[in-house]
Amino acid sequence: RIKISPVQMSSVCLDRLLDSLILVYTGKTRFASQILTEQIQATREQKIDRELSHLLQLVTQAVDTLEGDDPDAMLKDFGAMMHEGWQTKRRLSSGVSSPEIDALYDAALSAGALGGKLCGAGGGGFLLMVVPPHARGGFTEALRNYSLVPVGMDRNGSVILNG
């Protein structure tokens, strides 16, 4: 069952969140199907039920956090939840992370990130990191050897472009 419920964020919290999200390219590529096959098998065998339940609980907590009215508390708590979720996601499959990705993640935390996670199935691609605006300069300098991509969001929804 899938339920879609829009997150009702204040504009000040949404602005703070968007100003704090950075994608960091790991330099690693992978075939997600191998990682997902292991996760699907572990799910069928009920080996990762506790981890999947924990991730679902974090979603509920994250919605409450994002809908708060204090942008500083929201960002701090959301970063901590991203970190907690990443630690849980790493236990879903042996291929989710690697020593190189773990070292990059740790470097990002040392450079001021509050938390983050690897996007997609894992094994490579991009880390999505939560970096408060005041720490962005130091973060960018510390990770200057990596491709850093700021994150934006369309606030208008679906639009028709005439061109």
C-alpha atoms as a PDB file:
ATOM      1  CA  ARG A   1       0.000   0.000   0.000  1.00  0.00           C
ATOM      2  CA  ILE A   2       1.309   3.437  -0.920  1.00  0.00           C
ATOM      3  CA  LYS A   3       0.056   6.653   0.629  1.00  0.00           C
ATOM      4  CA  ILE A   4       1.125  10.062  -0.650  1.00  0.00           C
ATOM      5  CA  SER A   5       0.736  12.991   1.734  1.00  0.00           C
ATOM      6  CA  PRO A   6       2.335  16.363   0.976  1.00  0.00           C
ATOM      7  CA  VAL A   7       4.683  17.675   3.648  1.00  0.00           C
ATOM      8  CA  GLN A   8       3.412  21.052   4.879  1.00  0.00           C
ATOM      9  CA  MET A   9       6.604  23.025   5.479  1.00  0.00           C
ATOM     10  CA  SER A  10       6.773  26.709   6.310  1.00  0.00           C
ATOM     11  CA  SER A  11       8.534  28.753   3.658  1.00  0.00           C
ATOM     12  CA  VAL A  12      11.348  29.670   6.070  1.00  0.00           C
ATOM     13  CA  CYS A  13      12.002  25.989   6.909  1.00  0.00           C
ATOM     14  CA  LEU A  14      11.810  24.964   3.257  1.00  0.00           C
ATOM     15  CA  ASP A  15      14.279  27.701   2.300  1.00  0.00           C
ATOM     16  CA  ARG A  16      16.671  26.605   5.072  1.00  0.00           C
ATOM     17  CA  LEU A  17      16.447  22.968   3.986  1.00  0.00           C
ATOM     18  CA  LEU A  18      17.045  23.753   0.315  1.00  0.00           C
ATOM     19  CA  ASP A  19      19.988  25.989   1.216  1.00  0.00           C
ATOM     20  CA  SER A  20      21.458  23.042   3.139  1.00  0.00           C
ATOM     21  CA  LEU A  21      21.267  20.134   0.689  1.00  0.00           C
ATOM     22  CA  ILE A  22      24.342  19.233  -1.366  1.00  0.00           C
ATOM     23  CA  LEU A  23      24.939  16.205  -3.574  1.00  0.00           C
ATOM     24  CA  VAL A  24      28.482  14.822  -3.440  1.00  0.00           C
ATOM     25  CA  TYR A  25      29.499  12.545  -6.305  1.00  0.00           C
ATOM     26  CA  THR A  26      31.295   9.502  -4.928  1.00  0.00           C
ATOM     27  CA  GLY A  27      33.133   8.819  -8.169  1.00  0.00           C
ATOM     28  CA  LYS A  28      31.781   5.272  -8.073  1.00  0.00           C
ATOM     29  CA  THR A  29      29.312   3.733 -10.485  1.00  0.00           C
ATOM     30  CA  ARG A  30      27.509   0.458  -9.957  1.00  0.00           C
ATOM     31  CA  PHE A  31      24.728  -1.790 -11.167  1.00  0.00           C
ATOM     32  CA  ALA A  32      21.915  -1.307  -8.672  1.00  0.00           C
ATOM     33  CA  SER A  33      20.274  -4.582  -9.673  1.00  0.00           C
ATOM     34  CA  GLN A  34      22.870  -6.683  -7.812  1.00  0.00           C
ATOM     35  CA  ILE A  35      22.412  -4.697  -4.584  1.00  0.00           C
ATOM     36  CA  LEU A  36      18.628  -4.739  -4.931  1.00  0.00           C
ATOM     37  CA  THR A  37      18.577  -8.492  -5.578  1.00  0.00           C
ATOM     38  CA  GLU A  38      20.340  -9.070  -2.253  1.00  0.00           C
ATOM     39  CA  GLN A  39      17.927  -6.700  -0.478  1.00  0.00           C
ATOM     40  CA  ILE A  40      14.869  -8.357  -2.008  1.00  0.00           C
ATOM     41  CA  GLN A  41      16.113 -11.796  -0.958  1.00  0.00           C
ATOM     42  CA  ALA A  42      16.835 -10.575   2.574  1.00  0.00           C
ATOM     43  CA  THR A  43      13.336  -9.050   2.705  1.00  0.00           C
ATOM     44  CA  ARG A  44      11.727 -12.302   1.585  1.00  0.00           C
ATOM     45  CA  GLU A  45      13.680 -14.176   4.238  1.00  0.00           C
ATOM     46  CA  GLN A  46      12.649 -11.567   6.839  1.00  0.00           C
ATOM     47  CA  LYS A  47      16.309 -10.883   7.653  1.00  0.00           C
ATOM     48  CA  ILE A  48      15.986  -7.085   7.513  1.00  0.00           C
ATOM     49  CA  ASP A  49      12.480  -6.573   8.924  1.00  0.00           C
ATOM     50  CA  ARG A  50      13.805  -4.587  11.905  1.00  0.00           C
ATOM     51  CA  GLU A  51      15.808  -2.271   9.628  1.00  0.00           C
ATOM     52  CA  LEU A  52      12.896  -1.694   7.246  1.00  0.00           C
ATOM     53  CA  SER A  53      10.548  -0.969  10.170  1.00  0.00           C
ATOM     54  CA  HIS A  54      13.065   1.490  11.579  1.00  0.00           C
ATOM     55  CA  LEU A  55      13.326   3.314   8.233  1.00  0.00           C
ATOM     56  CA  LEU A  56       9.540   3.591   8.109  1.00  0.00           C
ATOM     57  CA  GLN A  57       9.497   5.061  11.635  1.00  0.00           C
ATOM     58  CA  LEU A  58      12.091   7.619  10.552  1.00  0.00           C
ATOM     59  CA  VAL A  59       9.813   8.744   7.722  1.00  0.00           C
ATOM     60  CA  THR A  60       7.048   9.576  10.198  1.00  0.00           C
ATOM     61  CA  GLN A  61       9.507  11.401  12.452  1.00  0.00           C
ATOM     62  CA  ALA A  62      10.967  13.290   9.489  1.00  0.00           C
ATOM     63  CA  VAL A  63       7.556  14.588   8.436  1.00  0.00           C
ATOM     64  CA  ASP A  64       6.938  15.908  11.960  1.00  0.00           C
ATOM     65  CA  THR A  65      10.392  17.512  11.971  1.00  0.00           C
ATOM     66  CA  LEU A  66      10.018  19.103   8.530  1.00  0.00           C
ATOM     67  CA  GLU A  67       6.629  20.532   9.481  1.00  0.00           C
ATOM     68  CA  GLY A  68       8.071  22.265  12.563  1.00  0.00           C
ATOM     69  CA  ASP A  69       8.364  26.038  12.840  1.00  0.00           C
ATOM     70  CA  ASP A  70      11.979  26.467  14.015  1.00  0.00           C
ATOM     71  CA  PRO A  71      14.314  26.261  10.991  1.00  0.00           C
ATOM     72  CA  ASP A  72      17.456  25.692  13.082  1.00  0.00           C
ATOM     73  CA  ALA A  73      15.908  22.861  15.111  1.00  0.00           C
ATOM     74  CA  MET A  74      14.358  21.390  11.958  1.00  0.00           C
ATOM     75  CA  LEU A  75      17.706  21.292  10.163  1.00  0.00           C
ATOM     76  CA  LYS A  76      19.588  19.828  13.138  1.00  0.00           C
ATOM     77  CA  ASP A  77      16.961  17.132  13.741  1.00  0.00           C
ATOM     78  CA  PHE A  78      16.552  16.335  10.049  1.00  0.00           C
ATOM     79  CA  GLY A  79      20.326  15.954   9.642  1.00  0.00           C
ATOM     80  CA  ALA A  80      20.422  13.588  12.617  1.00  0.00           C
ATOM     81  CA  MET A  81      17.583  11.514  11.120  1.00  0.00           C
ATOM     82  CA  MET A  82      19.348  11.345   7.758  1.00  0.00           C
ATOM     83  CA  HIS A  83      22.451  10.063   9.547  1.00  0.00           C
ATOM     84  CA  GLU A  84      20.449   7.497  11.498  1.00  0.00           C
ATOM     85  CA  GLY A  85      18.693   6.370   8.315  1.00  0.00           C
ATOM     86  CA  TRP A  86      22.023   6.001   6.510  1.00  0.00           C
ATOM     87  CA  GLN A  87      23.409   3.848   9.304  1.00  0.00           C
ATOM     88  CA  THR A  88      20.318   1.638   9.012  1.00  0.00           C
ATOM     89  CA  LYS A  89      20.403   1.535   5.204  1.00  0.00           C
ATOM     90  CA  ARG A  90      23.995   0.278   5.306  1.00  0.00           C
ATOM     91  CA  ARG A  91      22.718  -2.892   7.014  1.00  0.00           C
ATOM     92  CA  LEU A  92      20.238  -3.723   4.220  1.00  0.00           C
ATOM     93  CA  SER A  93      22.862  -5.209   1.898  1.00  0.00           C
ATOM     94  CA  SER A  94      26.610  -5.775   1.846  1.00  0.00           C
ATOM     95  CA  GLY A  95      26.867  -3.690  -1.334  1.00  0.00           C
ATOM     96  CA  VAL A  96      25.193  -0.526  -0.051  1.00  0.00           C
ATOM     97  CA  SER A  97      28.444   1.086   1.059  1.00  0.00           C
ATOM     98  CA  SER A  98      32.187   0.542   0.784  1.00  0.00           C
ATOM     99  CA  PRO A  99      35.259   1.697   2.718  1.00  0.00           C
ATOM    100  CA  GLU A 100      35.708   4.537   0.178  1.00  0.00           C
ATOM    101  CA  ILE A 101      32.107   5.719   0.523  1.00  0.00           C
ATOM    102  CA  ASP A 102      32.298   5.449   4.313  1.00  0.00           C
ATOM    103  CA  ALA A 103      35.490   7.553   4.307  1.00  0.00           C
ATOM    104  CA  LEU A 104      33.847  10.198   2.091  1.00  0.00           C
ATOM    105  CA  TYR A 105      30.770  10.264   4.343  1.00  0.00           C
ATOM    106  CA  ASP A 106      32.974  10.662   7.439  1.00  0.00           C
ATOM    107  CA  ALA A 107      34.921  13.477   5.716  1.00  0.00           C
ATOM    108  CA  ALA A 108      31.627  15.221   4.932  1.00  0.00           C
ATOM    109  CA  LEU A 109      30.579  14.999   8.598  1.00  0.00           C
ATOM    110  CA  SER A 110      33.973  16.322   9.699  1.00  0.00           C
ATOM    111  CA  ALA A 111      33.547  19.218   7.258  1.00  0.00           C
ATOM    112  CA  GLY A 112      30.279  20.338   8.858  1.00  0.00           C
ATOM    113  CA  ALA A 113      27.515  18.122   7.463  1.00  0.00           C
ATOM    114  CA  LEU A 114      24.815  17.187   9.967  1.00  0.00           C
ATOM    115  CA  GLY A 115      23.998  13.917   8.241  1.00  0.00           C
ATOM    116  CA  GLY A 116      23.225  12.415   4.874  1.00  0.00           C
ATOM    117  CA  LYS A 117      22.751   9.247   2.905  1.00  0.00           C
ATOM    118  CA  LEU A 118      23.714   7.601  -0.320  1.00  0.00           C
ATOM    119  CA  CYS A 119      21.002   8.022  -2.942  1.00  0.00           C
ATOM    120  CA  GLY A 120      19.462   5.043  -4.683  1.00  0.00           C
ATOM    121  CA  ALA A 121      20.293   1.421  -3.970  1.00  0.00           C
ATOM    122  CA  GLY A 122      23.844   2.193  -2.883  1.00  0.00           C
ATOM    123  CA  GLY A 123      27.299   1.169  -3.978  1.00  0.00           C
ATOM    124  CA  GLY A 124      28.052   4.485  -5.682  1.00  0.00           C
ATOM    125  CA  GLY A 125      26.460   7.532  -7.171  1.00  0.00           C
ATOM    126  CA  PHE A 126      25.723  10.532  -4.960  1.00  0.00           C
ATOM    127  CA  LEU A 127      25.688  11.226  -1.256  1.00  0.00           C
ATOM    128  CA  LEU A 128      22.962  13.696  -0.293  1.00  0.00           C
ATOM    129  CA  MET A 129      24.341  15.707   2.618  1.00  0.00           C
ATOM    130  CA  VAL A 130      22.651  18.183   4.970  1.00  0.00           C
ATOM    131  CA  VAL A 131      25.084  21.084   5.412  1.00  0.00           C
ATOM    132  CA  PRO A 132      23.936  24.185   7.315  1.00  0.00           C
ATOM    133  CA  PRO A 133      24.484  27.401   5.353  1.00  0.00           C
ATOM    134  CA  HIS A 134      27.076  28.667   7.867  1.00  0.00           C
ATOM    135  CA  ALA A 135      29.204  25.520   7.282  1.00  0.00           C
ATOM    136  CA  ARG A 136      28.909  25.513   3.491  1.00  0.00           C
ATOM    137  CA  GLY A 137      32.170  27.362   2.762  1.00  0.00           C
ATOM    138  CA  GLY A 138      34.297  25.033   4.884  1.00  0.00           C
ATOM    139  CA  PHE A 139      32.436  22.016   3.526  1.00  0.00           C
ATOM    140  CA  THR A 140      33.050  23.080  -0.069  1.00  0.00           C
ATOM    141  CA  GLU A 141      36.734  23.692   0.631  1.00  0.00           C
ATOM    142  CA  ALA A 142      37.224  20.387   2.480  1.00  0.00           C
ATOM    143  CA  LEU A 143      35.577  18.401  -0.331  1.00  0.00           C
ATOM    144  CA  ARG A 144      37.000  20.462  -3.211  1.00  0.00           C
ATOM    145  CA  ASN A 145      38.303  17.322  -4.938  1.00  0.00           C
ATOM    146  CA  TYR A 146      34.748  16.000  -5.366  1.00  0.00           C
ATOM    147  CA  SER A 147      31.956  17.151  -7.622  1.00  0.00           C
ATOM    148  CA  LEU A 148      29.475  19.055  -5.456  1.00  0.00           C
ATOM    149  CA  VAL A 149      25.984  19.776  -6.759  1.00  0.00           C
ATOM    150  CA  PRO A 150      23.593  22.144  -4.962  1.00  0.00           C
ATOM    151  CA  VAL A 151      20.012  20.903  -4.716  1.00  0.00           C
ATOM    152  CA  GLY A 152      16.952  22.887  -5.751  1.00  0.00           C
ATOM    153  CA  MET A 153      13.260  22.164  -5.843  1.00  0.00           C
ATOM    154  CA  ASP A 154      10.452  23.229  -8.109  1.00  0.00           C
ATOM    155  CA  ARG A 155       7.818  24.890  -5.960  1.00  0.00           C
ATOM    156  CA  ASN A 156       5.180  25.276  -8.675  1.00  0.00           C
ATOM    157  CA  GLY A 157       4.329  21.652  -9.381  1.00  0.00           C
ATOM    158  CA  SER A 158       3.500  20.547 -12.911  1.00  0.00           C
ATOM    159  CA  VAL A 159       3.655  23.281 -15.528  1.00  0.00           C
ATOM    160  CA  ILE A 160       3.323  23.349 -19.297  1.00  0.00           C
ATOM    161  CA  LEU A 161       6.292  24.949 -21.050  1.00  0.00           C
ATOM    162  CA  ASN A 162       5.655  26.532 -24.417  1.00  0.00           C
ATOM    163  CA  GLY A 163       8.746  26.637 -26.482  1.00  0.00           C
END
